[in-house]
PDB file of N, CA and C in Angstrom:
ATOM      1  N   MET A   1       0.756  -1.234  -0.005  1.00  0.00           N
ATOM      2  CA  MET A   1      -0.070   0.037   0.088  1.00  0.00           C
ATOM      3  C   MET A   1       0.857   1.154   0.010  1.00  0.00           C
ATOM      4  N   ALA A   2       0.664   2.247  -0.888  1.00  0.00           N
ATOM      5  CA  ALA A   2       1.376   3.304  -1.040  1.00  0.00           C
ATOM      6  C   ALA A   2       1.086   4.359   0.146  1.00  0.00           C
ATOM      7  N   LYS A   3       1.991   5.079   0.668  1.00  0.00           N
ATOM      8  CA  LYS A   3       1.992   6.002   1.577  1.00  0.00           C
ATOM      9  C   LYS A   3       1.360   7.427   0.991  1.00  0.00           C
ATOM     10  N   LYS A   4       0.740   8.213   1.819  1.00  0.00           N
ATOM     11  CA  LYS A   4       0.296   9.431   1.341  1.00  0.00           C
ATOM     12  C   LYS A   4       1.428  10.514   1.460  1.00  0.00           C
ATOM     13  N   GLU A   5       1.647  11.353   0.577  1.00  0.00           N
ATOM     14  CA  GLU A   5       2.455  12.342   0.766  1.00  0.00           C
ATOM     15  C   GLU A   5       2.212  13.226   1.915  1.00  0.00           C
ATOM     16  N   VAL A   6       3.306  13.710   2.766  1.00  0.00           N
ATOM     17  CA  VAL A   6       2.921  14.511   3.808  1.00  0.00           C
ATOM     18  C   VAL A   6       3.037  15.955   3.292  1.00  0.00           C
ATOM     19  N   VAL A   7       3.876  16.375   2.433  1.00  0.00           N
ATOM     20  CA  VAL A   7       4.083  17.614   1.891  1.00  0.00           C
ATOM     21  C   VAL A   7       3.343  17.878   0.544  1.00  0.00           C
ATOM     22  N   LEU A   8       2.150  18.691   0.432  1.00  0.00           N
ATOM     23  CA  LEU A   8       1.473  18.681  -0.819  1.00  0.00           C
ATOM     24  C   LEU A   8       1.956  19.973  -1.589  1.00  0.00           C
ATOM     25  N   HIS A   9       1.918  19.863  -2.983  1.00  0.00           N
ATOM     26  CA  HIS A   9       2.222  20.830  -3.781  1.00  0.00           C
ATOM     27  C   HIS A   9       0.792  21.535  -4.214  1.00  0.00           C
ATOM     28  N   VAL A  10       0.592  22.815  -3.805  1.00  0.00           N
ATOM     29  CA  VAL A  10      -0.682  23.299  -4.201  1.00  0.00           C
ATOM     30  C   VAL A  10      -0.541  24.653  -4.945  1.00  0.00           C
ATOM     31  N   GLU A  11      -1.755  24.960  -5.743  1.00  0.00           N
ATOM     32  CA  GLU A  11      -1.717  26.285  -6.537  1.00  0.00           C
ATOM     33  C   GLU A  11      -2.671  27.192  -5.672  1.00  0.00           C
ATOM     34  N   LEU A  12      -2.421  28.352  -5.814  1.00  0.00           N
ATOM     35  CA  LEU A  12      -3.146  29.387  -5.213  1.00  0.00           C
ATOM     36  C   LEU A  12      -3.796  30.138  -6.361  1.00  0.00           C
ATOM     37  N   ALA A  13      -5.236  30.259  -6.298  1.00  0.00           N
ATOM     38  CA  ALA A  13      -5.837  31.129  -7.399  1.00  0.00           C
ATOM     39  C   ALA A  13      -6.472  32.490  -6.651  1.00  0.00           C
ATOM     40  N   CYS A  14      -6.491  33.359  -7.487  1.00  0.00           N
ATOM     41  CA  CYS A  14      -6.937  34.735  -7.130  1.00  0.00           C
ATOM     42  C   CYS A  14      -8.484  34.573  -6.891  1.00  0.00           C
ATOM     43  N   SER A  15      -8.979  35.259  -5.788  1.00  0.00           N
ATOM     44  CA  SER A  15     -10.353  34.952  -5.472  1.00  0.00           C
ATOM     45  C   SER A  15     -11.323  36.113  -6.330  1.00  0.00           C
ATOM     46  N   ALA A  16     -10.608  37.173  -6.785  1.00  0.00           N
ATOM     47  CA  ALA A  16     -11.224  38.131  -7.868  1.00  0.00           C
ATOM     48  C   ALA A  16     -11.431  37.549  -9.215  1.00  0.00           C
ATOM     49  N   CYS A  17     -10.292  37.263  -9.844  1.00  0.00           N
ATOM     50  CA  CYS A  17     -10.253  36.800 -11.226  1.00  0.00           C
ATOM     51  C   CYS A  17     -10.116  35.189 -11.395  1.00  0.00           C
ATOM     52  N   ALA A  18      -9.960  34.598 -10.434  1.00  0.00           N
ATOM     53  CA  ALA A  18      -9.853  33.081 -10.310  1.00  0.00           C
ATOM     54  C   ALA A  18      -8.709  32.538 -11.259  1.00  0.00           C
ATOM     55  N   ARG A  19      -7.654  33.234 -11.496  1.00  0.00           N
ATOM     56  CA  ARG A  19      -6.488  32.884 -12.198  1.00  0.00           C
ATOM     57  C   ARG A  19      -5.404  32.171 -11.241  1.00  0.00           C
ATOM     58  N   ARG A  20      -4.861  31.242 -11.566  1.00  0.00           N
ATOM     59  CA  ARG A  20      -3.966  30.482 -10.671  1.00  0.00           C
ATOM     60  C   ARG A  20      -2.431  31.115 -10.942  1.00  0.00           C
ATOM     61  N   ASN A  21      -2.093  32.021  -9.869  1.00  0.00           N
ATOM     62  CA  ASN A  21      -0.749  32.715 -10.056  1.00  0.00           C
ATOM     63  C   ASN A  21       0.290  32.265  -9.152  1.00  0.00           C
ATOM     64  N   TYR A  22       0.146  31.501  -8.157  1.00  0.00           N
ATOM     65  CA  TYR A  22       1.201  30.986  -7.330  1.00  0.00           C
ATOM     66  C   TYR A  22       1.125  29.676  -7.149  1.00  0.00           C
ATOM     67  N   HIS A  23       2.300  28.945  -6.802  1.00  0.00           N
ATOM     68  CA  HIS A  23       2.459  27.575  -6.167  1.00  0.00           C
ATOM     69  C   HIS A  23       3.171  27.715  -4.935  1.00  0.00           C
ATOM     70  N   THR A  24       2.730  26.781  -4.128  1.00  0.00           N
ATOM     71  CA  THR A  24       3.375  26.622  -2.723  1.00  0.00           C
ATOM     72  C   THR A  24       3.248  25.263  -2.295  1.00  0.00           C
ATOM     73  N   GLN A  25       3.791  24.929  -1.063  1.00  0.00           N
ATOM     74  CA  GLN A  25       3.733  23.692  -0.458  1.00  0.00           C
ATOM     75  C   GLN A  25       2.990  23.859   1.062  1.00  0.00           C
ATOM     76  N   ARG A  26       2.370  22.783   1.345  1.00  0.00           N
ATOM     77  CA  ARG A  26       1.825  22.965   2.743  1.00  0.00           C
ATOM     78  C   ARG A  26       1.936  21.375   3.304  1.00  0.00           C
ATOM     79  N   ASN A  27       2.222  21.511   4.624  1.00  0.00           N
ATOM     80  CA  ASN A  27       2.371  20.018   5.372  1.00  0.00           C
ATOM     81  C   ASN A  27       0.992  19.492   5.808  1.00  0.00           C
ATOM     82  N   ARG A  28       0.618  18.388   5.321  1.00  0.00           N
ATOM     83  CA  ARG A  28      -0.699  17.942   5.443  1.00  0.00           C
ATOM     84  C   ARG A  28      -0.991  17.685   6.924  1.00  0.00           C
ATOM     85  N   ASN A  29       0.190  17.218   7.755  1.00  0.00           N
ATOM     86  CA  ASN A  29      -0.172  17.078   9.327  1.00  0.00           C
ATOM     87  C   ASN A  29      -0.289  18.224  10.008  1.00  0.00           C
ATOM     88  N   ASN A  30       0.550  19.350   9.685  1.00  0.00           N
ATOM     89  CA  ASN A  30       0.454  20.505  10.438  1.00  0.00           C
ATOM     90  C   ASN A  30      -0.712  21.467  10.077  1.00  0.00           C
ATOM     91  N   ILE A  31      -1.068  21.591   8.852  1.00  0.00           N
ATOM     92  CA  ILE A  31      -2.166  22.443   8.439  1.00  0.00           C
ATOM     93  C   ILE A  31      -3.176  21.690   7.572  1.00  0.00           C
ATOM     94  N   ARG A  32      -4.380  21.499   8.359  1.00  0.00           N
ATOM     95  CA  ARG A  32      -5.402  20.586   7.916  1.00  0.00           C
ATOM     96  C   ARG A  32      -6.256  21.297   6.838  1.00  0.00           C
ATOM     97  N   GLU A  33      -6.618  22.612   7.262  1.00  0.00           N
ATOM     98  CA  GLU A  33      -7.518  23.320   6.316  1.00  0.00           C
ATOM     99  C   GLU A  33      -6.811  23.966   5.213  1.00  0.00           C
ATOM    100  N   LYS A  34      -7.624  24.396   4.126  1.00  0.00           N
ATOM    101  CA  LYS A  34      -6.963  25.097   2.926  1.00  0.00           C
ATOM    102  C   LYS A  34      -6.367  26.432   3.234  1.00  0.00           C
ATOM    103  N   ILE A  35      -5.168  26.712   2.369  1.00  0.00           N
ATOM    104  CA  ILE A  35      -4.573  27.801   2.709  1.00  0.00           C
ATOM    105  C   ILE A  35      -5.276  29.024   2.034  1.00  0.00           C
ATOM    106  N   SER A  36      -5.211  30.137   2.503  1.00  0.00           N
ATOM    107  CA  SER A  36      -5.637  31.473   2.047  1.00  0.00           C
ATOM    108  C   SER A  36      -4.692  32.512   2.376  1.00  0.00           C
ATOM    109  N   LEU A  37      -3.919  33.034   1.311  1.00  0.00           N
ATOM    110  CA  LEU A  37      -3.001  34.198   1.585  1.00  0.00           C
ATOM    111  C   LEU A  37      -3.356  35.315   0.870  1.00  0.00           C
ATOM    112  N   ARG A  38      -2.899  36.578   1.374  1.00  0.00           N
ATOM    113  CA  ARG A  38      -3.180  37.729   0.532  1.00  0.00           C
ATOM    114  C   ARG A  38      -1.855  37.894  -0.246  1.00  0.00           C
ATOM    115  N   LYS A  39      -1.962  37.962  -1.501  1.00  0.00           N
ATOM    116  CA  LYS A  39      -0.963  38.131  -2.440  1.00  0.00           C
ATOM    117  C   LYS A  39      -1.224  39.000  -3.526  1.00  0.00           C
ATOM    118  N   TYR A  40      -0.165  39.403  -4.249  1.00  0.00           N
ATOM    119  CA  TYR A  40      -0.372  40.468  -5.407  1.00  0.00           C
ATOM    120  C   TYR A  40      -0.837  39.674  -6.670  1.00  0.00           C
ATOM    121  N   CYS A  41      -1.892  40.170  -7.281  1.00  0.00           N
ATOM    122  CA  CYS A  41      -2.258  39.545  -8.550  1.00  0.00           C
ATOM    123  C   CYS A  41      -2.010  40.548  -9.726  1.00  0.00           C
ATOM    124  N   PRO A  42      -1.026  40.045 -10.662  1.00  0.00           N
ATOM    125  CA  PRO A  42      -0.641  40.924 -11.740  1.00  0.00           C
ATOM    126  C   PRO A  42      -1.732  41.108 -12.583  1.00  0.00           C
ATOM    127  N   TRP A  43      -2.911  40.378 -12.921  1.00  0.00           N
ATOM    128  CA  TRP A  43      -3.896  40.683 -13.583  1.00  0.00           C
ATOM    129  C   TRP A  43      -4.960  41.749 -13.171  1.00  0.00           C
ATOM    130  N   CYS A  44      -5.243  41.670 -11.854  1.00  0.00           N
ATOM    131  CA  CYS A  44      -5.943  42.648 -11.052  1.00  0.00           C
ATOM    132  C   CYS A  44      -5.148  43.953 -10.664  1.00  0.00           C
ATOM    133  N   ARG A  45      -4.056  43.885 -10.561  1.00  0.00           N
ATOM    134  CA  ARG A  45      -2.925  44.870 -10.251  1.00  0.00           C
ATOM    135  C   ARG A  45      -3.400  45.340  -8.799  1.00  0.00           C
ATOM    136  N   GLN A  46      -3.414  44.518  -7.900  1.00  0.00           N
ATOM    137  CA  GLN A  46      -3.768  44.677  -6.482  1.00  0.00           C
ATOM    138  C   GLN A  46      -3.675  43.509  -5.675  1.00  0.00           C
ATOM    139  N   HIS A  47      -3.553  43.664  -4.440  1.00  0.00           N
ATOM    140  CA  HIS A  47      -3.455  42.718  -3.520  1.00  0.00           C
ATOM    141  C   HIS A  47      -4.633  41.960  -3.111  1.00  0.00           C
ATOM    142  N   THR A  48      -4.927  40.666  -3.383  1.00  0.00           N
ATOM    143  CA  THR A  48      -6.116  40.044  -3.182  1.00  0.00           C
ATOM    144  C   THR A  48      -5.873  38.814  -2.521  1.00  0.00           C
ATOM    145  N   ALA A  49      -6.965  38.171  -2.000  1.00  0.00           N
ATOM    146  CA  ALA A  49      -6.876  36.869  -1.233  1.00  0.00           C
ATOM    147  C   ALA A  49      -6.751  35.777  -2.453  1.00  0.00           C
ATOM    148  N   HIS A  50      -5.672  34.854  -2.243  1.00  0.00           N
ATOM    149  CA  HIS A  50      -5.401  33.851  -2.887  1.00  0.00           C
ATOM    150  C   HIS A  50      -5.608  32.475  -2.225  1.00  0.00           C
ATOM    151  N   LYS A  51      -6.636  31.653  -2.741  1.00  0.00           N
ATOM    152  CA  LYS A  51      -7.120  30.415  -1.976  1.00  0.00           C
ATOM    153  C   LYS A  51      -6.572  29.161  -2.760  1.00  0.00           C
ATOM    154  N   GLU A  52      -6.298  28.126  -1.925  1.00  0.00           N
ATOM    155  CA  GLU A  52      -5.794  26.887  -2.421  1.00  0.00           C
ATOM    156  C   GLU A  52      -6.889  26.330  -3.391  1.00  0.00           C
ATOM    157  N   VAL A  53      -6.375  25.756  -4.554  1.00  0.00           N
ATOM    158  CA  VAL A  53      -7.199  25.115  -5.486  1.00  0.00           C
ATOM    159  C   VAL A  53      -6.944  23.678  -5.240  1.00  0.00           C
TER     160      VAL A  53
END
């Protein structure tokens, strides 16, 4: 039986325009819920919330 990966590679999508701008990692054991970070969106030209897809 294969083990589940502990570190996940996730994409962050802009909440305003829904474009996937950033890639990051999160540890499945330490952070259970989905990530939401405030980052700069080059298409919206402002800082918006980026949520894990």
